[in-house]
């Protein structure tokens, strides 16, 4: 029995959240936890799926609406939006924003730095109208 437990790999919270979000993105509209569970092959317990969806709701990654006695869930944004949300949460958790941003920017490769400068230039120009 102990051998079996050692062989089975336990998935991390982030991995499960990514799987659930991926399933939601494949839906044609809002999806129930039961639909998500089926989409993932029934590998996860229904209660686990609901717990993950509730955590994603608290993080702002999904929205929900009443669907009978249950809820229907929808991703709050696309992959890029979710990644940006995570980056903002990490930045907000730090005391020295300037140091974090400076470290991030100096760690960028030349192509990413150029892209960031272009994006910042576009954002700055929007206020000129």
C-alpha atoms as a PDB file:
ATOM      1  CA  UNK A   1       0.000   0.000   0.000  1.00  0.00           C
ATOM      2  CA  UNK A   2       2.808   2.434   0.865  1.00  0.00           C
ATOM      3  CA  UNK A   3       4.430   1.624  -2.500  1.00  0.00           C
ATOM      4  CA  UNK A   4       1.266   2.669  -4.331  1.00  0.00           C
ATOM      5  CA  UNK A   5       1.138   6.014  -2.465  1.00  0.00           C
ATOM      6  CA  UNK A   6       4.746   6.728  -3.334  1.00  0.00           C
ATOM      7  CA  UNK A   7       4.156   6.053  -7.022  1.00  0.00           C
ATOM      8  CA  UNK A   8       1.037   8.199  -7.396  1.00  0.00           C
ATOM      9  CA  UNK A   9       1.924  11.802  -8.052  1.00  0.00           C
ATOM     10  CA  UNK A  10      -0.018  14.434  -6.198  1.00  0.00           C
ATOM     11  CA  UNK A  11      -0.860  17.469  -8.326  1.00  0.00           C
ATOM     12  CA  UNK A  12      -0.220  20.940  -6.990  1.00  0.00           C
ATOM     13  CA  UNK A  13      -2.936  23.549  -6.554  1.00  0.00           C
ATOM     14  CA  UNK A  14      -1.620  25.626  -9.450  1.00  0.00           C
ATOM     15  CA  UNK A  15      -1.687  22.647 -11.782  1.00  0.00           C
ATOM     16  CA  UNK A  16      -5.273  21.802 -10.838  1.00  0.00           C
ATOM     17  CA  UNK A  17      -6.338  25.418 -11.281  1.00  0.00           C
ATOM     18  CA  UNK A  18      -4.759  25.467 -14.744  1.00  0.00           C
ATOM     19  CA  UNK A  19      -6.588  22.262 -15.701  1.00  0.00           C
ATOM     20  CA  UNK A  20      -9.934  23.619 -14.522  1.00  0.00           C
ATOM     21  CA  UNK A  21      -9.413  26.958 -16.301  1.00  0.00           C
ATOM     22  CA  UNK A  22      -8.423  25.147 -19.476  1.00  0.00           C
ATOM     23  CA  UNK A  23     -11.620  23.094 -19.336  1.00  0.00           C
ATOM     24  CA  UNK A  24     -13.716  26.236 -18.777  1.00  0.00           C
ATOM     25  CA  UNK A  25     -12.133  27.904 -21.819  1.00  0.00           C
ATOM     26  CA  UNK A  26     -13.241  24.962 -23.956  1.00  0.00           C
ATOM     27  CA  UNK A  27     -16.882  25.418 -22.930  1.00  0.00           C
ATOM     28  CA  UNK A  28     -19.299  27.141 -25.298  1.00  0.00           C
ATOM     29  CA  UNK A  29     -20.535  29.287 -22.412  1.00  0.00           C
ATOM     30  CA  UNK A  30     -20.845  29.133 -18.636  1.00  0.00           C
ATOM     31  CA  UNK A  31     -20.180  25.589 -17.366  1.00  0.00           C
ATOM     32  CA  UNK A  32     -21.153  23.737 -14.212  1.00  0.00           C
ATOM     33  CA  UNK A  33     -18.689  22.038 -11.901  1.00  0.00           C
ATOM     34  CA  UNK A  34     -20.117  18.713 -13.046  1.00  0.00           C
ATOM     35  CA  UNK A  35     -19.365  19.565 -16.673  1.00  0.00           C
ATOM     36  CA  UNK A  36     -15.799  20.558 -15.734  1.00  0.00           C
ATOM     37  CA  UNK A  37     -15.378  17.295 -13.811  1.00  0.00           C
ATOM     38  CA  UNK A  38     -16.578  15.278 -16.828  1.00  0.00           C
ATOM     39  CA  UNK A  39     -14.345  17.264 -19.175  1.00  0.00           C
ATOM     40  CA  UNK A  40     -11.349  16.395 -17.013  1.00  0.00           C
ATOM     41  CA  UNK A  41     -12.216  12.720 -17.325  1.00  0.00           C
ATOM     42  CA  UNK A  42     -13.745  12.277 -13.881  1.00  0.00           C
ATOM     43  CA  UNK A  43     -10.220  12.108 -12.454  1.00  0.00           C
ATOM     44  CA  UNK A  44     -11.087  14.650  -9.749  1.00  0.00           C
ATOM     45  CA  UNK A  45     -13.835  14.436  -7.162  1.00  0.00           C
ATOM     46  CA  UNK A  46     -16.755  16.814  -7.702  1.00  0.00           C
ATOM     47  CA  UNK A  47     -16.021  18.495  -4.362  1.00  0.00           C
ATOM     48  CA  UNK A  48     -12.405  19.067  -5.437  1.00  0.00           C
ATOM     49  CA  UNK A  49     -13.564  20.766  -8.640  1.00  0.00           C
ATOM     50  CA  UNK A  50     -15.936  23.009  -6.649  1.00  0.00           C
ATOM     51  CA  UNK A  51     -13.129  23.881  -4.208  1.00  0.00           C
ATOM     52  CA  UNK A  52     -10.808  24.808  -7.093  1.00  0.00           C
ATOM     53  CA  UNK A  53     -13.515  26.918  -8.758  1.00  0.00           C
ATOM     54  CA  UNK A  54     -14.196  28.703  -5.459  1.00  0.00           C
ATOM     55  CA  UNK A  55     -10.483  29.479  -5.053  1.00  0.00           C
ATOM     56  CA  UNK A  56     -10.359  30.782  -8.624  1.00  0.00           C
ATOM     57  CA  UNK A  57     -13.390  32.973  -7.865  1.00  0.00           C
ATOM     58  CA  UNK A  58     -11.601  34.455  -4.842  1.00  0.00           C
ATOM     59  CA  UNK A  59      -8.594  35.207  -7.084  1.00  0.00           C
ATOM     60  CA  UNK A  60     -10.780  36.908  -9.677  1.00  0.00           C
ATOM     61  CA  UNK A  61      -9.934  34.308 -12.315  1.00  0.00           C
ATOM     62  CA  UNK A  62     -13.545  33.129 -12.833  1.00  0.00           C
ATOM     63  CA  UNK A  63     -17.054  34.469 -12.413  1.00  0.00           C
ATOM     64  CA  UNK A  64     -20.183  32.549 -11.524  1.00  0.00           C
ATOM     65  CA  UNK A  65     -23.908  32.860 -11.975  1.00  0.00           C
ATOM     66  CA  UNK A  66     -26.792  30.929 -10.476  1.00  0.00           C
ATOM     67  CA  UNK A  67     -27.912  27.939 -12.529  1.00  0.00           C
ATOM     68  CA  UNK A  68     -30.766  26.305 -10.640  1.00  0.00           C
ATOM     69  CA  UNK A  69     -29.449  25.058  -7.309  1.00  0.00           C
ATOM     70  CA  UNK A  70     -25.857  25.225  -8.535  1.00  0.00           C
ATOM     71  CA  UNK A  71     -23.572  27.692 -10.276  1.00  0.00           C
ATOM     72  CA  UNK A  72     -22.304  28.071 -13.824  1.00  0.00           C
ATOM     73  CA  UNK A  73     -18.703  29.248 -14.085  1.00  0.00           C
ATOM     74  CA  UNK A  74     -16.915  31.357 -16.714  1.00  0.00           C
ATOM     75  CA  UNK A  75     -13.247  32.364 -17.037  1.00  0.00           C
ATOM     76  CA  UNK A  76     -12.872  36.058 -16.173  1.00  0.00           C
ATOM     77  CA  UNK A  77     -10.306  36.608 -18.926  1.00  0.00           C
ATOM     78  CA  UNK A  78      -8.034  34.873 -21.391  1.00  0.00           C
ATOM     79  CA  UNK A  79      -4.601  33.347 -20.629  1.00  0.00           C
ATOM     80  CA  UNK A  80      -2.815  36.672 -21.046  1.00  0.00           C
ATOM     81  CA  UNK A  81      -5.238  38.450 -18.735  1.00  0.00           C
ATOM     82  CA  UNK A  82      -4.858  35.782 -16.062  1.00  0.00           C
ATOM     83  CA  UNK A  83      -1.063  35.921 -16.273  1.00  0.00           C
ATOM     84  CA  UNK A  84      -1.176  39.720 -15.965  1.00  0.00           C
ATOM     85  CA  UNK A  85      -3.491  39.410 -12.954  1.00  0.00           C
ATOM     86  CA  UNK A  86      -0.998  37.046 -11.265  1.00  0.00           C
ATOM     87  CA  UNK A  87       1.847  39.445 -11.977  1.00  0.00           C
ATOM     88  CA  UNK A  88      -0.095  42.356 -10.438  1.00  0.00           C
ATOM     89  CA  UNK A  89      -0.940  40.292  -7.344  1.00  0.00           C
ATOM     90  CA  UNK A  90       2.747  39.429  -6.875  1.00  0.00           C
ATOM     91  CA  UNK A  91       3.756  43.046  -7.327  1.00  0.00           C
ATOM     92  CA  UNK A  92       1.077  44.229  -4.894  1.00  0.00           C
ATOM     93  CA  UNK A  93       2.425  41.837  -2.255  1.00  0.00           C
ATOM     94  CA  UNK A  94       5.871  43.492  -2.266  1.00  0.00           C
ATOM     95  CA  UNK A  95       6.865  46.531  -0.216  1.00  0.00           C
ATOM     96  CA  UNK A  96       9.352  48.018  -2.686  1.00  0.00           C
ATOM     97  CA  UNK A  97       7.518  48.153  -6.012  1.00  0.00           C
ATOM     98  CA  UNK A  98      10.260  50.189  -7.656  1.00  0.00           C
ATOM     99  CA  UNK A  99      12.916  47.582  -6.824  1.00  0.00           C
ATOM    100  CA  UNK A 100      10.712  44.736  -8.047  1.00  0.00           C
ATOM    101  CA  UNK A 101       9.881  46.485 -11.318  1.00  0.00           C
ATOM    102  CA  UNK A 102      13.511  47.522 -11.863  1.00  0.00           C
ATOM    103  CA  UNK A 103      14.669  43.952 -11.286  1.00  0.00           C
ATOM    104  CA  UNK A 104      12.010  42.632 -13.653  1.00  0.00           C
ATOM    105  CA  UNK A 105      12.882  45.072 -16.435  1.00  0.00           C
ATOM    106  CA  UNK A 106      16.648  44.526 -16.163  1.00  0.00           C
ATOM    107  CA  UNK A 107      16.047  40.785 -16.410  1.00  0.00           C
ATOM    108  CA  UNK A 108      14.206  41.047 -19.720  1.00  0.00           C
ATOM    109  CA  UNK A 109      15.838  39.964 -22.935  1.00  0.00           C
ATOM    110  CA  UNK A 110      16.332  42.565 -25.696  1.00  0.00           C
ATOM    111  CA  UNK A 111      13.204  41.532 -27.627  1.00  0.00           C
ATOM    112  CA  UNK A 112      10.965  41.631 -24.542  1.00  0.00           C
ATOM    113  CA  UNK A 113      12.456  44.969 -23.467  1.00  0.00           C
ATOM    114  CA  UNK A 114      11.751  46.439 -26.913  1.00  0.00           C
ATOM    115  CA  UNK A 115       8.197  45.101 -26.818  1.00  0.00           C
ATOM    116  CA  UNK A 116       7.617  46.529 -23.344  1.00  0.00           C
ATOM    117  CA  UNK A 117       8.903  49.956 -24.466  1.00  0.00           C
ATOM    118  CA  UNK A 118       6.548  49.860 -27.481  1.00  0.00           C
ATOM    119  CA  UNK A 119       3.587  48.923 -25.280  1.00  0.00           C
ATOM    120  CA  UNK A 120       4.399  51.659 -22.767  1.00  0.00           C
ATOM    121  CA  UNK A 121       4.721  54.144 -25.637  1.00  0.00           C
ATOM    122  CA  UNK A 122       1.272  53.204 -26.928  1.00  0.00           C
ATOM    123  CA  UNK A 123      -0.247  53.511 -23.463  1.00  0.00           C
ATOM    124  CA  UNK A 124       1.329  56.954 -22.977  1.00  0.00           C
ATOM    125  CA  UNK A 125      -0.033  58.172 -26.309  1.00  0.00           C
ATOM    126  CA  UNK A 126      -3.624  57.177 -25.486  1.00  0.00           C
ATOM    127  CA  UNK A 127      -3.886  60.014 -22.967  1.00  0.00           C
ATOM    128  CA  UNK A 128      -2.898  62.600 -25.614  1.00  0.00           C
ATOM    129  CA  UNK A 129      -6.233  62.408 -27.468  1.00  0.00           C
END
